[in-house]
Protein backbone atom coordinates (compact mmCIF):
# COMPACT_ATOMS: atom_id res chain seq x y z
CA MET A 1 21.45 -35.00 8.09
CA GLU A 2 24.38 -33.72 6.68
CA ILE A 3 25.68 -31.24 3.94
CA PRO A 4 25.24 -33.20 0.66
CA ALA A 5 28.61 -34.63 -0.97
CA MET A 6 27.30 -33.04 -4.37
CA PHE A 7 27.54 -29.09 -2.24
CA ASN A 8 31.83 -30.15 -0.91
CA ASP A 9 33.33 -30.39 -4.48
CA SER A 10 35.45 -26.82 -4.04
CA SER A 11 35.15 -27.62 -7.73
CA SER A 12 32.24 -28.23 -8.06
CA SER A 13 30.06 -24.46 -8.85
CA LEU A 14 27.53 -25.65 -5.86
CA TYR A 15 30.37 -25.04 -3.67
CA ASP A 16 31.07 -22.19 -1.31
CA SER A 17 33.90 -21.31 0.99
CA LEU A 18 31.33 -19.32 3.41
CA ARG A 19 30.25 -22.24 5.77
CA ASN A 20 30.44 -23.25 9.01
CA GLN A 21 34.14 -25.07 8.81
CA ASP A 22 32.31 -27.17 12.14
CA HIS A 23 29.35 -28.23 10.20
CA LEU A 24 30.58 -29.76 7.26
CA PRO A 25 30.44 -33.78 6.73
CA PRO A 26 30.25 -35.66 8.32
CA ALA A 27 28.89 -33.28 10.82
CA VAL A 28 24.78 -34.13 11.83
CA VAL A 29 22.50 -30.70 10.89
CA ASP A 30 21.56 -29.02 14.32
CA LEU A 31 17.98 -28.58 13.54
CA ASN A 32 17.15 -26.62 16.83
CA GLY A 33 19.48 -23.93 16.85
CA ASP A 34 21.41 -25.57 20.49
CA PHE A 35 24.91 -25.07 18.47
CA LEU A 36 24.61 -21.66 18.50
CA VAL A 37 24.99 -22.00 22.62
CA THR A 38 26.38 -25.47 23.92
CA GLY A 39 27.52 -27.51 20.99
CA ILE A 40 26.54 -30.59 18.70
CA PRO A 41 25.38 -33.55 21.00
CA PRO A 42 26.55 -37.64 19.13
CA GLU A 43 25.97 -37.90 16.62
CA LYS A 44 22.62 -40.51 17.33
CA THR A 45 21.25 -38.15 19.79
CA GLN A 46 21.12 -35.65 16.75
CA ILE A 47 19.71 -37.42 14.37
CA ASP A 48 16.57 -38.60 17.37
CA TYR A 49 16.64 -34.92 18.20
CA ASN A 50 16.13 -33.48 14.71
CA LEU A 51 13.41 -36.26 14.56
CA ASN A 52 11.57 -35.17 17.35
CA LEU A 53 11.71 -31.45 16.63
CA MET A 54 10.25 -32.79 13.29
CA TYR A 55 7.24 -34.17 14.87
CA LYS A 56 7.12 -30.92 17.33
CA GLN A 57 7.11 -28.69 14.61
CA MET A 58 4.78 -30.67 11.68
CA ILE A 59 2.39 -32.10 13.87
CA THR A 60 2.22 -30.39 17.68
CA ASN A 61 2.69 -27.29 16.76
CA ALA A 62 0.59 -26.80 13.15
CA THR A 63 -2.89 -27.99 14.24
CA THR A 64 -4.11 -24.76 12.08
CA PRO A 65 -2.75 -22.66 9.51
CA ARG A 66 -2.05 -19.75 11.11
CA LEU A 67 0.23 -21.53 13.50
CA PHE A 68 2.02 -23.41 10.14
CA PHE A 69 2.04 -21.04 7.98
CA GLY A 70 2.24 -17.89 9.98
CA GLN A 71 -0.28 -15.16 11.11
CA PRO A 72 -0.44 -12.63 8.33
CA TYR A 73 0.63 -8.70 7.71
CA ARG A 74 -0.70 -6.64 6.07
CA ALA A 75 -0.20 -4.09 3.87
CA GLY A 76 -0.53 -0.89 6.55
CA ASP A 77 -0.42 -2.54 9.57
CA ASP A 78 1.42 0.11 11.99
CA ASN A 79 1.86 -2.43 14.85
CA PRO A 80 1.90 -5.76 13.68
CA THR A 81 2.86 -7.58 16.96
CA ARG A 82 -0.14 -7.57 19.03
CA SER A 83 -2.69 -8.73 15.43
CA GLY A 84 -0.64 -11.01 15.17
CA SER A 85 2.19 -10.78 12.80
CA GLY A 86 4.70 -13.49 13.62
CA SER A 87 6.72 -16.62 11.48
CA GLY A 88 5.71 -20.47 11.52
CA SER A 89 6.53 -23.15 13.17
CA ILE A 90 8.72 -24.58 10.38
CA GLU A 91 9.82 -21.16 9.63
CA ILE A 92 11.43 -20.63 12.54
CA ALA A 93 12.57 -24.75 12.41
CA PRO A 94 13.94 -26.56 9.76
CA HIS A 95 13.94 -23.02 7.86
CA ASN A 96 15.75 -20.21 10.51
CA THR A 97 17.61 -23.20 12.15
CA VAL A 98 19.74 -24.16 9.39
CA HIS A 99 20.37 -21.29 7.55
CA ALA A 100 21.98 -20.37 10.78
CA TRP A 101 24.11 -23.71 11.31
CA ALA A 102 25.61 -23.00 7.90
CA GLY A 103 26.41 -19.67 7.84
CA ASP A 104 30.05 -19.22 8.52
CA SER A 105 30.76 -17.95 12.12
CA ARG A 106 34.21 -16.66 11.08
CA GLN A 107 31.63 -14.04 9.23
CA PRO A 108 30.48 -10.46 10.93
CA PHE A 109 27.69 -11.72 9.97
CA LEU A 110 27.35 -15.56 9.65
CA GLU A 111 27.36 -14.84 5.53
CA ASP A 112 27.10 -16.17 3.04
CA MET A 113 23.25 -18.40 5.04
CA GLY A 114 23.10 -16.97 8.53
CA THR A 115 21.60 -13.45 7.07
CA PHE A 116 19.84 -12.04 5.23
CA TYR A 117 21.22 -10.26 2.53
CA ALA A 118 23.67 -12.88 1.44
CA ALA A 119 21.97 -16.24 2.32
CA ALA A 120 21.02 -16.70 -1.46
CA ARG A 121 24.51 -16.82 -2.47
CA ASP A 122 25.40 -20.45 -1.59
CA PRO A 123 24.00 -22.61 -4.26
CA ILE A 124 22.36 -24.92 -0.89
CA PHE A 125 20.00 -22.23 -0.13
CA TYR A 126 17.94 -23.04 -3.02
CA ALA A 127 17.94 -26.64 -1.74
CA HIS A 128 17.67 -25.87 1.62
CA HIS A 129 14.07 -23.42 0.45
CA ALA A 130 13.13 -26.59 -1.71
CA ASN A 131 13.13 -29.32 0.99
CA ILE A 132 11.07 -26.46 2.62
CA ASP A 133 8.40 -26.53 -0.25
CA ARG A 134 8.36 -30.20 0.35
CA LEU A 135 6.73 -30.46 3.72
CA TRP A 136 4.63 -27.36 2.98
CA ILE A 137 3.42 -30.09 0.42
CA ILE A 138 3.67 -33.20 3.35
CA TRP A 139 1.72 -31.27 5.64
CA VAL A 140 -1.24 -30.92 3.18
CA ASP A 141 -1.21 -34.05 1.18
CA LYS A 142 -0.02 -36.54 4.16
CA LEU A 143 -0.94 -34.47 7.43
CA GLY A 144 -4.17 -32.81 6.51
CA GLY A 145 -3.41 -29.36 6.79
CA LYS A 146 -5.59 -26.57 5.48
CA VAL A 147 -4.29 -23.74 3.28
CA PHE A 148 -5.85 -19.62 3.43
CA SER A 149 -8.95 -19.24 1.68
CA ASP A 150 -8.21 -15.27 2.26
CA PRO A 151 -8.20 -14.03 -1.21
CA ASP A 152 -5.21 -10.91 0.27
CA TRP A 153 -2.76 -13.94 0.73
CA LEU A 154 -3.43 -15.52 -2.35
CA ASP A 155 -3.47 -12.69 -5.07
CA SER A 156 -0.78 -11.30 -3.13
CA SER A 157 2.38 -10.89 -6.06
CA PHE A 158 5.26 -10.69 -6.85
CA MET A 159 7.73 -10.24 -10.18
CA PHE A 160 10.27 -12.68 -11.30
CA TYR A 161 12.31 -12.53 -14.55
CA ASN A 162 11.72 -15.71 -16.26
CA GLU A 163 14.06 -17.61 -18.54
CA GLU A 164 14.62 -14.96 -21.27
CA ALA A 165 15.30 -12.68 -18.42
CA LYS A 166 11.52 -11.19 -18.47
CA PRO A 167 9.40 -9.49 -15.49
CA VAL A 168 6.40 -11.47 -15.12
CA ILE A 169 4.22 -11.42 -12.05
CA VAL A 170 3.37 -14.54 -10.13
CA LYS A 171 0.72 -14.80 -7.27
CA VAL A 172 0.43 -16.90 -4.10
CA LYS A 173 -2.50 -19.27 -5.77
CA ASP A 174 -0.72 -19.88 -8.86
CA CYS A 175 1.70 -21.57 -7.22
CA LEU A 176 0.18 -23.47 -4.77
CA ASP A 177 0.24 -27.06 -6.60
CA PRO A 178 3.63 -28.35 -6.89
CA THR A 179 2.90 -29.98 -10.41
CA THR A 180 0.96 -27.35 -11.71
CA LEU A 181 4.66 -25.62 -12.48
CA GLY A 182 5.68 -29.00 -13.80
CA TYR A 183 7.38 -30.79 -10.57
CA VAL A 184 6.83 -33.83 -7.84
CA TYR A 185 8.66 -34.82 -5.32
CA GLU A 186 9.41 -37.95 -4.76
CA ASP A 187 7.43 -40.23 -1.90
CA ILE A 188 9.75 -41.39 0.78
CA ASP A 189 9.62 -42.52 3.47
CA ILE A 190 8.87 -39.27 6.86
CA PRO A 191 10.93 -41.54 9.28
CA TRP A 192 10.32 -38.65 11.99
CA LEU A 193 6.03 -39.95 11.91
CA ASP A 194 7.46 -41.79 14.85
CA ALA A 195 9.24 -39.22 16.74
CA LYS A 196 6.40 -37.83 19.04
CA PRO A 197 8.00 -36.22 22.37
CA THR A 198 7.13 -38.04 25.81
CA PRO A 199 6.80 -36.52 28.88
CA ARG A 200 9.84 -36.32 31.26
CA ARG A 201 8.36 -36.43 33.97
CA LYS A 202 5.61 -39.00 35.24
CA GLY A 203 2.67 -37.36 37.57
CA VAL A 204 0.28 -34.96 38.17
CA ARG A 205 1.39 -31.39 38.16
CA VAL A 206 -0.02 -28.81 40.14
CA VAL A 207 0.99 -24.87 39.55
CA THR A 208 -0.11 -22.33 41.43
CA SER A 209 -0.42 -18.68 40.85
CA GLU A 210 2.27 -18.19 44.11
CA LEU A 211 4.98 -17.15 41.19
CA CYS A 212 4.97 -14.05 39.39
CA GLN A 213 2.00 -13.53 37.51
CA ALA A 214 2.38 -12.61 33.23
CA THR A 215 0.71 -9.66 33.61
CA GLN A 216 3.04 -9.19 36.60
CA VAL A 217 6.54 -9.38 35.11
CA PHE A 218 6.01 -7.74 31.26
CA PRO A 219 7.19 -6.34 29.75
CA THR A 220 10.93 -7.56 30.58
CA ALA A 221 15.00 -7.85 28.95
CA LEU A 222 15.09 -11.71 28.48
CA ASP A 223 18.55 -11.87 30.17
CA ARG A 224 17.73 -14.95 32.92
CA VAL A 225 16.04 -17.79 32.53
CA LEU A 226 12.38 -16.67 33.87
CA ASN A 227 9.52 -17.69 35.46
CA ILE A 228 6.53 -17.11 35.03
CA VAL A 229 2.35 -18.44 35.85
CA VAL A 230 -0.06 -17.74 33.16
CA ARG A 231 -3.50 -17.88 33.41
CA ARG A 232 -5.32 -19.66 31.26
CA PRO A 233 -8.95 -18.54 29.82
CA LYS A 234 -10.56 -21.50 30.47
CA LYS A 235 -9.54 -25.46 32.26
CA LEU A 236 -11.01 -28.47 31.50
CA ARG A 237 -12.66 -28.24 28.03
CA SER A 238 -14.60 -30.65 25.79
CA LYS A 239 -13.37 -32.27 23.07
CA GLU A 240 -15.79 -30.42 20.62
CA GLU A 241 -14.62 -27.37 22.51
CA LYS A 242 -10.56 -28.99 21.96
CA GLU A 243 -11.45 -29.32 18.07
CA GLU A 244 -13.23 -26.23 17.39
CA ALA A 245 -9.90 -24.00 18.68
CA GLU A 246 -6.29 -24.81 19.75
CA GLU A 247 -5.66 -24.02 22.75
CA VAL A 248 -1.96 -21.24 21.91
CA LEU A 249 0.60 -20.57 23.80
CA LEU A 250 0.96 -16.93 23.00
CA VAL A 251 4.57 -15.11 23.18
CA ASP A 252 4.40 -11.17 22.21
CA GLU A 253 5.93 -8.03 21.65
CA ILE A 254 9.55 -10.07 21.00
CA GLU A 255 12.19 -7.08 20.35
CA TYR A 256 15.38 -7.66 19.61
CA VAL A 257 18.09 -5.86 17.32
CA CYS A 258 18.04 -6.91 13.70
CA SER A 259 21.27 -7.83 13.13
CA LYS A 260 22.49 -10.32 15.73
CA PRO A 261 21.31 -13.86 15.84
CA VAL A 262 18.53 -14.41 18.60
CA LYS A 263 17.75 -17.74 20.11
CA PHE A 264 15.24 -18.29 23.47
CA ASP A 265 13.43 -21.66 24.68
CA VAL A 266 10.02 -22.08 25.78
CA TYR A 267 9.09 -24.32 28.22
CA LEU A 268 5.75 -25.33 29.69
CA ASN A 269 5.50 -26.81 33.31
CA GLU A 270 9.00 -27.98 33.43
CA SER A 271 10.74 -27.98 36.93
CA ASP A 272 14.56 -28.00 35.50
CA VAL A 273 14.92 -26.87 31.70
CA LYS A 274 18.86 -28.01 32.07
CA LEU A 275 17.69 -32.03 31.91
CA CYS A 276 15.13 -31.29 29.56
CA THR A 277 15.51 -31.91 25.74
CA PRO A 278 13.71 -31.60 21.86
CA ALA A 279 12.59 -35.16 22.93
CA ASN A 280 10.10 -34.45 25.91
CA THR A 281 7.37 -33.08 25.73
CA GLU A 282 7.69 -30.16 27.85
CA PHE A 283 9.78 -27.97 25.33
CA LEU A 284 7.60 -26.33 23.46
CA GLY A 285 9.82 -25.02 21.00
CA SER A 286 11.82 -21.58 19.97
CA PHE A 287 12.72 -18.66 18.72
CA VAL A 288 14.71 -18.00 16.25
CA ASP A 289 16.00 -15.47 14.29
CA VAL A 290 18.47 -14.78 10.49
CA PRO A 291 20.15 -11.88 11.03
CA HIS A 292 19.88 -8.28 8.94
CA HIS A 293 23.26 -6.91 8.85
CA ARG A 294 21.46 -4.09 6.39
CA HIS A 295 20.26 -3.34 9.38
CA ARG A 296 22.08 -3.38 11.84
CA THR A 297 20.83 -0.57 15.09
CA SER A 298 17.22 -1.54 13.97
CA THR A 299 15.05 -3.04 15.87
CA GLU A 300 11.92 -6.40 14.84
CA LYS A 301 8.91 -6.40 17.01
CA MET A 302 7.92 -9.87 16.53
CA SER A 303 5.76 -12.56 18.70
CA MET A 304 5.45 -16.87 18.84
CA ARG A 305 3.24 -19.21 18.90
CA PHE A 306 2.84 -22.63 20.75
CA ALA A 307 0.66 -25.32 20.22
CA ILE A 308 -0.64 -26.39 23.47
CA SER A 309 -4.42 -29.07 23.49
CA SER A 310 -1.95 -31.94 23.20
CA VAL A 311 0.95 -31.25 25.13
CA LEU A 312 -1.62 -30.31 28.40
CA GLU A 313 -2.84 -33.04 27.76
CA GLU A 314 -0.41 -35.17 27.41
CA LEU A 315 1.67 -33.65 30.86
CA HIS A 316 -1.10 -35.75 33.28
CA GLY A 317 -2.71 -33.71 34.89
CA THR A 318 -1.52 -30.52 32.98
CA ASP A 319 -5.54 -29.89 31.80
CA GLU A 320 -7.40 -29.55 35.13
CA SER A 321 -4.78 -26.67 36.14
CA GLU A 322 -6.06 -22.69 35.82
CA PHE A 323 -2.37 -21.39 35.77
CA LEU A 324 0.40 -22.84 33.48
CA LEU A 325 3.71 -22.91 34.04
CA VAL A 326 5.97 -21.05 31.83
CA THR A 327 9.33 -20.89 31.42
CA LEU A 328 11.87 -18.63 28.82
CA VAL A 329 15.12 -19.50 29.09
CA PRO A 330 17.89 -17.16 26.87
CA ARG A 331 20.25 -19.23 24.76
CA CYS A 332 21.82 -15.61 22.58
CA GLY A 333 21.13 -12.34 21.43
CA ASN A 334 19.51 -9.14 23.01
CA VAL A 335 15.95 -9.59 23.46
CA THR A 336 13.50 -7.90 25.09
CA ILE A 337 9.64 -9.79 25.68
CA GLY A 338 6.04 -7.57 25.51
CA GLY A 339 3.99 -10.60 27.74
CA VAL A 340 2.32 -13.95 27.49
CA ASN A 341 -0.79 -15.08 27.09
CA ILE A 342 -3.03 -17.74 26.25
CA GLU A 343 -5.45 -17.30 23.17
CA PHE A 344 -7.14 -19.49 21.06
CA ASP A 345 -6.30 -20.03 17.71
CA SER A 346 -10.34 -21.30 15.55
CA SER A 347 -8.70 -22.09 12.27
CA LYS A 348 -7.84 -25.23 13.35
CA SER A 349 -6.44 -28.44 10.39
CA SER A 350 -7.00 -31.69 10.59
CA ALA A 351 -3.75 -31.98 11.00
CA GLN A 352 -3.86 -34.02 14.46
CA ARG A 353 -7.03 -36.34 13.67
CA VAL A 354 -5.23 -37.24 10.71
CA MET A 355 -2.05 -38.28 12.39
CA LYS A 356 -4.95 -39.99 14.83
CA ASN A 357 -5.73 -42.14 11.72
CA PHE A 358 -1.90 -42.24 11.15
CA ASN A 359 -0.79 -43.91 14.63
CA SER A 360 -4.19 -45.93 14.71
CA ASN A 361 -3.32 -47.91 11.03
């Protein structure tokens, strides 16, 4: 879990001097992005956390196509945040976090990999994106994930220059099967399949409405640790209801300056976030963005979603609760949050069912 040696040879065309000097081999990559604030833990611990994080992003937070791929954003949408604009699980981590990890902290905008405009100058960019593509294939072929059937997505087109320097138009539907593009990924072990996070505490977790409810505190600047209580639309859903729709925690209208690194963490029913790590069920995940330095003063609005159906079952007693305790912890950047709510995603994939088959075998 480090930068491959072939990218670290200064005489090679694969080398880029604008990389974080503290993250060169043998440093282990931090897929959760905690290096932005807390530094890097011991190597073995970091590897374990990486495996836990991958399980969370590929399985727990990827039970529907929209949670895995991200929310739809169509031409003509004026304000997509309320209707659903937002990144998918692996776009946040490991995609965005590896970009930030590899970028050179000596540069004003974390060039090269750490900022949108310069990322492709580093040859490791292409290996990184090939790995994200590989994770997509794993999600579909190994975990039973489903791709979108929406024609707006399938017929979306992009212009490229081919090997003869001639412009060609490629549609999304032309790229869904890598074998038609002339390649396959090596079938190797997937160690994070056995790295399911576990609850930090045992026992029933009771949450009441005594703390401020979500509608009472938003919108607000996330300039401190924020504990709020969110009411669930329905508790004790049946097995059939859970199979039909994923219960989702929505952090909405996340507003921030595009040119600065941004990260905040999200926890569920956790009384002490300082003791909670990616190895724990209570840690739902993070919001991380790759800076766009050319828009130095402009702001972006996004949303972030976390699948919580299985989390509620694993945190004993939580599935019976009417209220949930949500904790937002700012790590870096200036962020304003517009709201926190519970919604249901009915585009459920078969990833959880397939994982049950994995575990039973």
